[in-house]
Amino acid sequence: MGTELEKIGNALLRRIDESAGHYPARTQGGDGFYSFRYSCTEITTRGGEAYLKRSETRCENGRLVNEEYEGMVDSSMHRRAVDEAQRHFADRIARAMRLFF
């Protein structure tokens, strides 16, 4: 059975013309079998100033890309982000409680 697998495997392989100097191009459009995206945003306040730190890692079309940003933002942005997060959390809790009442 081992030789049968070798014959099948060899039949599926194709030779690459090494004299051309390059390999066939990857297909574009995100049709790869694996991709992911992860991002994290932190907003902290110190002494009335708001600091933003964001990192994003993604794998698309076989390439791993990692980006990081840091900087200062208006302190009102921090207040809006906190208010929005609290509203979102309260809305989710209210929806979950409706299941029981």
PDB file of N, CA and C in Angstrom:
ATOM      1  N   MET A   1       0.812  -1.189   0.000  1.00  0.00           N
ATOM      2  CA  MET A   1       0.000   0.000   0.000  1.00  0.00           C
ATOM      3  C   MET A   1       0.858   1.258   0.000  1.00  0.00           C
ATOM      4  N   GLY A   2       2.040   1.181   0.570  1.00  0.00           N
ATOM      5  CA  GLY A   2       2.925   2.334   0.603  1.00  0.00           C
ATOM      6  C   GLY A   2       3.324   2.782  -0.792  1.00  0.00           C
ATOM      7  N   THR A   3       3.593   1.859  -1.702  1.00  0.00           N
ATOM      8  CA  THR A   3       3.976   2.250  -3.059  1.00  0.00           C
ATOM      9  C   THR A   3       2.805   2.853  -3.811  1.00  0.00           C
ATOM     10  N   GLU A   4       1.581   2.403  -3.510  1.00  0.00           N
ATOM     11  CA  GLU A   4       0.405   2.990  -4.158  1.00  0.00           C
ATOM     12  C   GLU A   4       0.265   4.463  -3.758  1.00  0.00           C
ATOM     13  N   LEU A   5       0.490   4.757  -2.468  1.00  0.00           N
ATOM     14  CA  LEU A   5       0.407   6.141  -2.014  1.00  0.00           C
ATOM     15  C   LEU A   5       1.485   6.997  -2.651  1.00  0.00           C
ATOM     16  N   GLU A   6       2.676   6.426  -2.817  1.00  0.00           N
ATOM     17  CA  GLU A   6       3.747   7.184  -3.454  1.00  0.00           C
ATOM     18  C   GLU A   6       3.397   7.512  -4.899  1.00  0.00           C
ATOM     19  N   LYS A   7       2.788   6.534  -5.616  1.00  0.00           N
ATOM     20  CA  LYS A   7       2.410   6.773  -7.013  1.00  0.00           C
ATOM     21  C   LYS A   7       1.353   7.870  -7.099  1.00  0.00           C
ATOM     22  N   ILE A   8       0.374   7.812  -6.201  1.00  0.00           N
ATOM     23  CA  ILE A   8      -0.681   8.827  -6.205  1.00  0.00           C
ATOM     24  C   ILE A   8      -0.090  10.194  -5.859  1.00  0.00           C
ATOM     25  N   GLY A   9       0.757  10.228  -4.835  1.00  0.00           N
ATOM     26  CA  GLY A   9       1.372  11.489  -4.434  1.00  0.00           C
ATOM     27  C   GLY A   9       2.225  12.081  -5.534  1.00  0.00           C
ATOM     28  N   ASN A  10       3.005  11.259  -6.220  1.00  0.00           N
ATOM     29  CA  ASN A  10       3.855  11.751  -7.302  1.00  0.00           C
ATOM     30  C   ASN A  10       3.024  12.221  -8.491  1.00  0.00           C
ATOM     31  N   ALA A  11       1.872  11.583  -8.730  1.00  0.00           N
ATOM     32  CA  ALA A  11       1.021  11.979  -9.851  1.00  0.00           C
ATOM     33  C   ALA A  11       0.394  13.352  -9.594  1.00  0.00           C
ATOM     34  N   LEU A  12       0.155  13.693  -8.321  1.00  0.00           N
ATOM     35  CA  LEU A  12      -0.464  14.966  -8.002  1.00  0.00           C
ATOM     36  C   LEU A  12       0.532  16.122  -7.995  1.00  0.00           C
ATOM     37  N   LEU A  13       1.806  15.810  -7.856  1.00  0.00           N
ATOM     38  CA  LEU A  13       2.827  16.856  -7.838  1.00  0.00           C
ATOM     39  C   LEU A  13       3.118  17.333  -9.247  1.00  0.00           C
ATOM     40  N   ARG A  14       3.500  18.563  -9.387  1.00  0.00           N
ATOM     41  CA  ARG A  14       3.917  19.089 -10.679  1.00  0.00           C
ATOM     42  C   ARG A  14       5.289  19.723 -10.529  1.00  0.00           C
ATOM     43  N   ARG A  15       6.045  19.671 -11.564  1.00  0.00           N
ATOM     44  CA  ARG A  15       7.389  20.234 -11.542  1.00  0.00           C
ATOM     45  C   ARG A  15       7.328  21.743 -11.764  1.00  0.00           C
ATOM     46  N   ILE A  16       8.202  22.453 -11.053  1.00  0.00           N
ATOM     47  CA  ILE A  16       8.309  23.899 -11.204  1.00  0.00           C
ATOM     48  C   ILE A  16       9.567  24.188 -11.999  1.00  0.00           C
ATOM     49  N   ASP A  17       9.419  25.031 -12.974  1.00  0.00           N
ATOM     50  CA  ASP A  17      10.553  25.405 -13.812  1.00  0.00           C
ATOM     51  C   ASP A  17      11.472  26.309 -13.001  1.00  0.00           C
ATOM     52  N   GLU A  18      12.578  25.767 -12.516  1.00  0.00           N
ATOM     53  CA  GLU A  18      13.490  26.528 -11.671  1.00  0.00           C
ATOM     54  C   GLU A  18      14.254  27.590 -12.459  1.00  0.00           C
ATOM     55  N   SER A  19      14.347  27.424 -13.761  1.00  0.00           N
ATOM     56  CA  SER A  19      15.058  28.416 -14.557  1.00  0.00           C
ATOM     57  C   SER A  19      14.259  29.726 -14.667  1.00  0.00           C
ATOM     58  N   ALA A  20      12.952  29.674 -14.396  1.00  0.00           N
ATOM     59  CA  ALA A  20      12.135  30.891 -14.457  1.00  0.00           C
ATOM     60  C   ALA A  20      12.500  31.847 -13.331  1.00  0.00           C
ATOM     61  N   GLY A  21      13.031  31.322 -12.218  1.00  0.00           N
ATOM     62  CA  GLY A  21      13.502  32.174 -11.138  1.00  0.00           C
ATOM     63  C   GLY A  21      12.453  32.573 -10.130  1.00  0.00           C
ATOM     64  N   HIS A  22      11.237  32.096 -10.268  1.00  0.00           N
ATOM     65  CA  HIS A  22      10.209  32.433  -9.295  1.00  0.00           C
ATOM     66  C   HIS A  22       9.191  31.299  -9.213  1.00  0.00           C
ATOM     67  N   TYR A  23       8.468  31.320  -8.142  1.00  0.00           N
ATOM     68  CA  TYR A  23       7.428  30.324  -7.932  1.00  0.00           C
ATOM     69  C   TYR A  23       6.081  30.915  -8.347  1.00  0.00           C
ATOM     70  N   PRO A  24       5.107  30.086  -8.580  1.00  0.00           N
ATOM     71  CA  PRO A  24       3.784  30.612  -8.937  1.00  0.00           C
ATOM     72  C   PRO A  24       3.258  31.561  -7.860  1.00  0.00           C
ATOM     73  N   ALA A  25       2.582  32.604  -8.281  1.00  0.00           N
ATOM     74  CA  ALA A  25       2.081  33.608  -7.341  1.00  0.00           C
ATOM     75  C   ALA A  25       0.947  33.051  -6.495  1.00  0.00           C
ATOM     76  N   ARG A  26       0.880  33.538  -5.270  1.00  0.00           N
ATOM     77  CA  ARG A  26      -0.240  33.166  -4.401  1.00  0.00           C
ATOM     78  C   ARG A  26      -1.517  33.791  -4.949  1.00  0.00           C
ATOM     79  N   THR A  27      -2.608  33.114  -4.681  1.00  0.00           N
ATOM     80  CA  THR A  27      -3.884  33.683  -5.094  1.00  0.00           C
ATOM     81  C   THR A  27      -4.265  34.770  -4.117  1.00  0.00           C
ATOM     82  N   GLN A  28      -4.827  35.844  -4.606  1.00  0.00           N
ATOM     83  CA  GLN A  28      -5.262  36.956  -3.777  1.00  0.00           C
ATOM     84  C   GLN A  28      -6.756  36.836  -3.535  1.00  0.00           C
ATOM     85  N   GLY A  29      -7.259  37.615  -2.582  1.00  0.00           N
ATOM     86  CA  GLY A  29      -8.687  37.626  -2.347  1.00  0.00           C
ATOM     87  C   GLY A  29      -9.103  36.915  -1.080  1.00  0.00           C
ATOM     88  N   GLY A  30      -8.168  36.452  -0.282  1.00  0.00           N
ATOM     89  CA  GLY A  30      -8.516  35.866   1.004  1.00  0.00           C
ATOM     90  C   GLY A  30      -9.160  34.503   0.923  1.00  0.00           C
ATOM     91  N   ASP A  31      -8.846  33.729  -0.096  1.00  0.00           N
ATOM     92  CA  ASP A  31      -9.447  32.410  -0.194  1.00  0.00           C
ATOM     93  C   ASP A  31      -8.565  31.330   0.436  1.00  0.00           C
ATOM     94  N   GLY A  32      -7.624  31.747   1.289  1.00  0.00           N
ATOM     95  CA  GLY A  32      -6.784  30.789   1.990  1.00  0.00           C
ATOM     96  C   GLY A  32      -7.588  29.998   3.000  1.00  0.00           C
ATOM     97  N   PHE A  33      -7.028  28.916   3.446  1.00  0.00           N
ATOM     98  CA  PHE A  33      -7.794  28.062   4.357  1.00  0.00           C
ATOM     99  C   PHE A  33      -7.717  28.543   5.797  1.00  0.00           C
ATOM    100  N   TYR A  34      -6.869  29.532   6.105  1.00  0.00           N
ATOM    101  CA  TYR A  34      -6.729  29.975   7.484  1.00  0.00           C
ATOM    102  C   TYR A  34      -6.483  31.471   7.523  1.00  0.00           C
ATOM    103  N   SER A  35      -7.279  32.172   8.306  1.00  0.00           N
ATOM    104  CA  SER A  35      -7.034  33.586   8.545  1.00  0.00           C
ATOM    105  C   SER A  35      -7.639  33.946   9.898  1.00  0.00           C
ATOM    106  N   PHE A  36      -7.075  34.950  10.551  1.00  0.00           N
ATOM    107  CA  PHE A  36      -7.620  35.415  11.816  1.00  0.00           C
ATOM    108  C   PHE A  36      -7.275  36.876  12.003  1.00  0.00           C
ATOM    109  N   ARG A  37      -7.977  37.494  12.938  1.00  0.00           N
ATOM    110  CA  ARG A  37      -7.713  38.887  13.303  1.00  0.00           C
ATOM    111  C   ARG A  37      -7.944  39.020  14.803  1.00  0.00           C
ATOM    112  N   TYR A  38      -6.997  39.642  15.494  1.00  0.00           N
ATOM    113  CA  TYR A  38      -7.106  39.894  16.935  1.00  0.00           C
ATOM    114  C   TYR A  38      -6.687  41.338  17.174  1.00  0.00           C
ATOM    115  N   SER A  39      -7.505  42.067  17.928  1.00  0.00           N
ATOM    116  CA  SER A  39      -7.127  43.432  18.249  1.00  0.00           C
ATOM    117  C   SER A  39      -7.467  43.725  19.705  1.00  0.00           C
ATOM    118  N   CYS A  40      -6.712  44.642  20.273  1.00  0.00           N
ATOM    119  CA  CYS A  40      -6.904  45.036  21.662  1.00  0.00           C
ATOM    120  C   CYS A  40      -6.656  46.544  21.758  1.00  0.00           C
ATOM    121  N   THR A  41      -7.590  47.246  22.407  1.00  0.00           N
ATOM    122  CA  THR A  41      -7.457  48.686  22.591  1.00  0.00           C
ATOM    123  C   THR A  41      -7.551  49.000  24.073  1.00  0.00           C
ATOM    124  N   GLU A  42      -6.583  49.728  24.594  1.00  0.00           N
ATOM    125  CA  GLU A  42      -6.585  50.141  25.995  1.00  0.00           C
ATOM    126  C   GLU A  42      -6.591  51.663  26.049  1.00  0.00           C
ATOM    127  N   ILE A  43      -7.490  52.205  26.863  1.00  0.00           N
ATOM    128  CA  ILE A  43      -7.509  53.643  27.109  1.00  0.00           C
ATOM    129  C   ILE A  43      -7.391  53.828  28.618  1.00  0.00           C
ATOM    130  N   THR A  44      -6.366  54.523  29.059  1.00  0.00           N
ATOM    131  CA  THR A  44      -6.157  54.754  30.482  1.00  0.00           C
ATOM    132  C   THR A  44      -6.030  56.254  30.725  1.00  0.00           C
ATOM    133  N   THR A  45      -6.347  56.653  31.931  1.00  0.00           N
ATOM    134  CA  THR A  45      -6.197  58.068  32.287  1.00  0.00           C
ATOM    135  C   THR A  45      -5.191  58.194  33.420  1.00  0.00           C
ATOM    136  N   ARG A  46      -4.384  59.225  33.302  1.00  0.00           N
ATOM    137  CA  ARG A  46      -3.407  59.564  34.344  1.00  0.00           C
ATOM    138  C   ARG A  46      -3.324  61.077  34.422  1.00  0.00           C
ATOM    139  N   GLY A  47      -3.690  61.605  35.560  1.00  0.00           N
ATOM    140  CA  GLY A  47      -3.564  63.044  35.753  1.00  0.00           C
ATOM    141  C   GLY A  47      -4.393  63.876  34.790  1.00  0.00           C
ATOM    142  N   GLY A  48      -5.580  63.400  34.426  1.00  0.00           N
ATOM    143  CA  GLY A  48      -6.441  64.161  33.539  1.00  0.00           C
ATOM    144  C   GLY A  48      -6.140  63.978  32.058  1.00  0.00           C
ATOM    145  N   GLU A  49      -5.107  63.198  31.719  1.00  0.00           N
ATOM    146  CA  GLU A  49      -4.785  62.929  30.323  1.00  0.00           C
ATOM    147  C   GLU A  49      -5.120  61.483  30.005  1.00  0.00           C
ATOM    148  N   ALA A  50      -5.593  61.235  28.798  1.00  0.00           N
ATOM    149  CA  ALA A  50      -5.967  59.881  28.379  1.00  0.00           C
ATOM    150  C   ALA A  50      -4.918  59.347  27.406  1.00  0.00           C
ATOM    151  N   TYR A  51      -4.485  58.123  27.643  1.00  0.00           N
ATOM    152  CA  TYR A  51      -3.490  57.465  26.797  1.00  0.00           C
ATOM    153  C   TYR A  51      -4.154  56.291  26.082  1.00  0.00           C
ATOM    154  N   LEU A  52      -3.856  56.160  24.814  1.00  0.00           N
ATOM    155  CA  LEU A  52      -4.414  55.102  23.984  1.00  0.00           C
ATOM    156  C   LEU A  52      -3.293  54.162  23.573  1.00  0.00           C
ATOM    157  N   LYS A  53      -3.542  52.862  23.705  1.00  0.00           N
ATOM    158  CA  LYS A  53      -2.590  51.855  23.253  1.00  0.00           C
ATOM    159  C   LYS A  53      -3.392  50.799  22.501  1.00  0.00           C
ATOM    160  N   ARG A  54      -3.060  50.573  21.253  1.00  0.00           N
ATOM    161  CA  ARG A  54      -3.800  49.626  20.429  1.00  0.00           C
ATOM    162  C   ARG A  54      -2.825  48.684  19.746  1.00  0.00           C
ATOM    163  N   SER A  55      -3.181  47.412  19.737  1.00  0.00           N
ATOM    164  CA  SER A  55      -2.384  46.435  19.001  1.00  0.00           C
ATOM    165  C   SER A  55      -3.331  45.571  18.171  1.00  0.00           C
ATOM    166  N   GLU A  56      -2.868  45.199  17.009  1.00  0.00           N
ATOM    167  CA  GLU A  56      -3.660  44.366  16.109  1.00  0.00           C
ATOM    168  C   GLU A  56      -2.736  43.350  15.458  1.00  0.00           C
ATOM    169  N   THR A  57      -3.160  42.105  15.477  1.00  0.00           N
ATOM    170  CA  THR A  57      -2.428  41.024  14.828  1.00  0.00           C
ATOM    171  C   THR A  57      -3.397  40.327  13.897  1.00  0.00           C
ATOM    172  N   ARG A  58      -2.954  40.072  12.682  1.00  0.00           N
ATOM    173  CA  ARG A  58      -3.825  39.382  11.741  1.00  0.00           C
ATOM    174  C   ARG A  58      -3.008  38.502  10.808  1.00  0.00           C
ATOM    175  N   CYS A  59      -3.659  37.477  10.333  1.00  0.00           N
ATOM    176  CA  CYS A  59      -3.050  36.575   9.357  1.00  0.00           C
ATOM    177  C   CYS A  59      -3.975  36.541   8.157  1.00  0.00           C
ATOM    178  N   GLU A  60      -3.520  37.068   7.056  1.00  0.00           N
ATOM    179  CA  GLU A  60      -4.310  37.118   5.832  1.00  0.00           C
ATOM    180  C   GLU A  60      -3.431  36.726   4.658  1.00  0.00           C
ATOM    181  N   ASN A  61      -3.941  35.870   3.819  1.00  0.00           N
ATOM    182  CA  ASN A  61      -3.219  35.422   2.624  1.00  0.00           C
ATOM    183  C   ASN A  61      -1.830  34.879   2.957  1.00  0.00           C
ATOM    184  N   GLY A  62      -1.744  34.184   4.073  1.00  0.00           N
ATOM    185  CA  GLY A  62      -0.481  33.562   4.442  1.00  0.00           C
ATOM    186  C   GLY A  62       0.548  34.491   5.048  1.00  0.00           C
ATOM    187  N   ARG A  63       0.191  35.729   5.363  1.00  0.00           N
ATOM    188  CA  ARG A  63       1.139  36.679   5.947  1.00  0.00           C
ATOM    189  C   ARG A  63       0.672  37.070   7.337  1.00  0.00           C
ATOM    190  N   LEU A  64       1.583  37.099   8.282  1.00  0.00           N
ATOM    191  CA  LEU A  64       1.297  37.515   9.644  1.00  0.00           C
ATOM    192  C   LEU A  64       1.725  38.967   9.808  1.00  0.00           C
ATOM    193  N   VAL A  65       0.785  39.815  10.206  1.00  0.00           N
ATOM    194  CA  VAL A  65       1.044  41.250  10.343  1.00  0.00           C
ATOM    195  C   VAL A  65       0.709  41.665  11.766  1.00  0.00           C
ATOM    196  N   ASN A  66       1.619  42.388  12.411  1.00  0.00           N
ATOM    197  CA  ASN A  66       1.405  42.880  13.763  1.00  0.00           C
ATOM    198  C   ASN A  66       1.624  44.395  13.751  1.00  0.00           C
ATOM    199  N   GLU A  67       0.617  45.148  14.226  1.00  0.00           N
ATOM    200  CA  GLU A  67       0.723  46.600  14.280  1.00  0.00           C
ATOM    201  C   GLU A  67       0.406  47.071  15.690  1.00  0.00           C
ATOM    202  N   GLU A  68       1.136  48.078  16.150  1.00  0.00           N
ATOM    203  CA  GLU A  68       0.910  48.655  17.472  1.00  0.00           C
ATOM    204  C   GLU A  68       0.919  50.171  17.365  1.00  0.00           C
ATOM    205  N   TYR A  69       0.017  50.807  18.132  1.00  0.00           N
ATOM    206  CA  TYR A  69      -0.076  52.255  18.152  1.00  0.00           C
ATOM    207  C   TYR A  69      -0.117  52.717  19.600  1.00  0.00           C
ATOM    208  N   GLU A  70       0.480  53.862  19.878  1.00  0.00           N
ATOM    209  CA  GLU A  70       0.403  54.484  21.197  1.00  0.00           C
ATOM    210  C   GLU A  70       0.287  55.980  21.000  1.00  0.00           C
ATOM    211  N   GLY A  71      -0.445  56.628  21.919  1.00  0.00           N
ATOM    212  CA  GLY A  71      -0.541  58.071  21.833  1.00  0.00           C
ATOM    213  C   GLY A  71      -1.486  58.631  22.868  1.00  0.00           C
ATOM    214  N   MET A  72      -1.580  59.948  22.891  1.00  0.00           N
ATOM    215  CA  MET A  72      -2.482  60.626  23.809  1.00  0.00           C
ATOM    216  C   MET A  72      -3.731  61.035  23.045  1.00  0.00           C
ATOM    217  N   VAL A  73      -4.879  60.936  23.722  1.00  0.00           N
ATOM    218  CA  VAL A  73      -6.147  61.348  23.122  1.00  0.00           C
ATOM    219  C   VAL A  73      -6.854  62.293  24.081  1.00  0.00           C
ATOM    220  N   ASP A  74      -7.869  62.951  23.574  1.00  0.00           N
ATOM    221  CA  ASP A  74      -8.669  63.851  24.385  1.00  0.00           C
ATOM    222  C   ASP A  74      -9.341  63.054  25.508  1.00  0.00           C
ATOM    223  N   SER A  75      -9.339  63.590  26.728  1.00  0.00           N
ATOM    224  CA  SER A  75      -9.900  62.851  27.866  1.00  0.00           C
ATOM    225  C   SER A  75     -11.399  62.612  27.711  1.00  0.00           C
ATOM    226  N   SER A  76     -12.096  63.427  26.908  1.00  0.00           N
ATOM    227  CA  SER A  76     -13.523  63.192  26.678  1.00  0.00           C
ATOM    228  C   SER A  76     -13.747  61.892  25.910  1.00  0.00           C
ATOM    229  N   MET A  77     -12.764  61.475  25.104  1.00  0.00           N
ATOM    230  CA  MET A  77     -12.864  60.202  24.390  1.00  0.00           C
ATOM    231  C   MET A  77     -12.911  59.043  25.377  1.00  0.00           C
ATOM    232  N   HIS A  78     -12.100  59.127  26.422  1.00  0.00           N
ATOM    233  CA  HIS A  78     -12.102  58.086  27.447  1.00  0.00           C
ATOM    234  C   HIS A  78     -13.466  58.024  28.119  1.00  0.00           C
ATOM    235  N   ARG A  79     -14.018  59.162  28.469  1.00  0.00           N
ATOM    236  CA  ARG A  79     -15.335  59.199  29.128  1.00  0.00           C
ATOM    237  C   ARG A  79     -16.415  58.604  28.233  1.00  0.00           C
ATOM    238  N   ARG A  80     -16.394  58.957  26.924  1.00  0.00           N
ATOM    239  CA  ARG A  80     -17.380  58.401  25.981  1.00  0.00           C
ATOM    240  C   ARG A  80     -17.223  56.893  25.852  1.00  0.00           C
ATOM    241  N   ALA A  81     -15.979  56.398  25.791  1.00  0.00           N
ATOM    242  CA  ALA A  81     -15.746  54.958  25.664  1.00  0.00           C
ATOM    243  C   ALA A  81     -16.268  54.217  26.891  1.00  0.00           C
ATOM    244  N   VAL A  82     -16.035  54.758  28.076  1.00  0.00           N
ATOM    245  CA  VAL A  82     -16.524  54.131  29.308  1.00  0.00           C
ATOM    246  C   VAL A  82     -18.044  54.135  29.327  1.00  0.00           C
ATOM    247  N   ASP A  83     -18.660  55.258  28.979  1.00  0.00           N
ATOM    248  CA  ASP A  83     -20.123  55.343  28.955  1.00  0.00           C
ATOM    249  C   ASP A  83     -20.725  54.352  27.961  1.00  0.00           C
ATOM    250  N   GLU A  84     -20.112  54.250  26.792  1.00  0.00           N
ATOM    251  CA  GLU A  84     -20.619  53.319  25.776  1.00  0.00           C
ATOM    252  C   GLU A  84     -20.483  51.872  26.241  1.00  0.00           C
ATOM    253  N   ALA A  85     -19.370  51.533  26.861  1.00  0.00           N
ATOM    254  CA  ALA A  85     -19.172  50.166  27.359  1.00  0.00           C
ATOM    255  C   ALA A  85     -20.185  49.832  28.452  1.00  0.00           C
ATOM    256  N   GLN A  86     -20.440  50.783  29.337  1.00  0.00           N
ATOM    257  CA  GLN A  86     -21.417  50.551  30.400  1.00  0.00           C
ATOM    258  C   GLN A  86     -22.824  50.387  29.827  1.00  0.00           C
ATOM    259  N   ARG A  87     -23.193  51.201  28.837  1.00  0.00           N
ATOM    260  CA  ARG A  87     -24.507  51.061  28.203  1.00  0.00           C
ATOM    261  C   ARG A  87     -24.646  49.712  27.512  1.00  0.00           C
ATOM    262  N   HIS A  88     -23.602  49.303  26.806  1.00  0.00           N
ATOM    263  CA  HIS A  88     -23.611  48.017  26.103  1.00  0.00           C
ATOM    264  C   HIS A  88     -23.772  46.865  27.098  1.00  0.00           C
ATOM    265  N   PHE A  89     -23.036  46.910  28.188  1.00  0.00           N
ATOM    266  CA  PHE A  89     -23.109  45.861  29.206  1.00  0.00           C
ATOM    267  C   PHE A  89     -24.498  45.820  29.837  1.00  0.00           C
ATOM    268  N   ALA A  90     -25.048  46.996  30.185  1.00  0.00           N
ATOM    269  CA  ALA A  90     -26.376  47.049  30.795  1.00  0.00           C
ATOM    270  C   ALA A  90     -27.441  46.532  29.831  1.00  0.00           C
ATOM    271  N   ASP A  91     -27.294  46.839  28.547  1.00  0.00           N
ATOM    272  CA  ASP A  91     -28.250  46.344  27.548  1.00  0.00           C
ATOM    273  C   ASP A  91     -28.198  44.823  27.448  1.00  0.00           C
ATOM    274  N   ARG A  92     -27.010  44.257  27.445  1.00  0.00           N
ATOM    275  CA  ARG A  92     -26.865  42.795  27.376  1.00  0.00           C
ATOM    276  C   ARG A  92     -27.450  42.112  28.607  1.00  0.00           C
ATOM    277  N   ILE A  93     -27.216  42.686  29.777  1.00  0.00           N
ATOM    278  CA  ILE A  93     -27.770  42.121  31.012  1.00  0.00           C
ATOM    279  C   ILE A  93     -29.292  42.190  30.961  1.00  0.00           C
ATOM    280  N   ALA A  94     -29.851  43.319  30.525  1.00  0.00           N
ATOM    281  CA  ALA A  94     -31.316  43.466  30.440  1.00  0.00           C
ATOM    282  C   ALA A  94     -31.900  42.440  29.463  1.00  0.00           C
ATOM    283  N   ARG A  95     -31.251  42.212  28.345  1.00  0.00           N
ATOM    284  CA  ARG A  95     -31.741  41.200  27.393  1.00  0.00           C
ATOM    285  C   ARG A  95     -31.686  39.802  28.000  1.00  0.00           C
ATOM    286  N   ALA A  96     -30.637  39.501  28.719  1.00  0.00           N
ATOM    287  CA  ALA A  96     -30.525  38.176  29.342  1.00  0.00           C
ATOM    288  C   ALA A  96     -31.581  37.994  30.427  1.00  0.00           C
ATOM    289  N   MET A  97     -31.867  39.029  31.179  1.00  0.00           N
ATOM    290  CA  MET A  97     -32.864  38.931  32.256  1.00  0.00           C
ATOM    291  C   MET A  97     -34.276  38.750  31.704  1.00  0.00           C
ATOM    292  N   ARG A  98     -34.548  39.246  30.503  1.00  0.00           N
ATOM    293  CA  ARG A  98     -35.869  39.062  29.892  1.00  0.00           C
ATOM    294  C   ARG A  98     -36.190  37.595  29.665  1.00  0.00           C
ATOM    295  N   LEU A  99     -35.185  36.771  29.527  1.00  0.00           N
ATOM    296  CA  LEU A  99     -35.402  35.337  29.351  1.00  0.00           C
ATOM    297  C   LEU A  99     -36.035  34.704  30.587  1.00  0.00           C
ATOM    298  N   PHE A 100     -35.796  35.280  31.753  1.00  0.00           N
ATOM    299  CA  PHE A 100     -36.273  34.701  33.006  1.00  0.00           C
ATOM    300  C   PHE A 100     -37.543  35.364  33.521  1.00  0.00           C
ATOM    301  N   PHE A 101     -37.896  36.519  32.994  1.00  0.00           N
ATOM    302  CA  PHE A 101     -39.082  37.242  33.499  1.00  0.00           C
ATOM    303  C   PHE A 101     -40.070  37.504  32.407  1.00  0.00           C
TER     304      PHE A 101
END
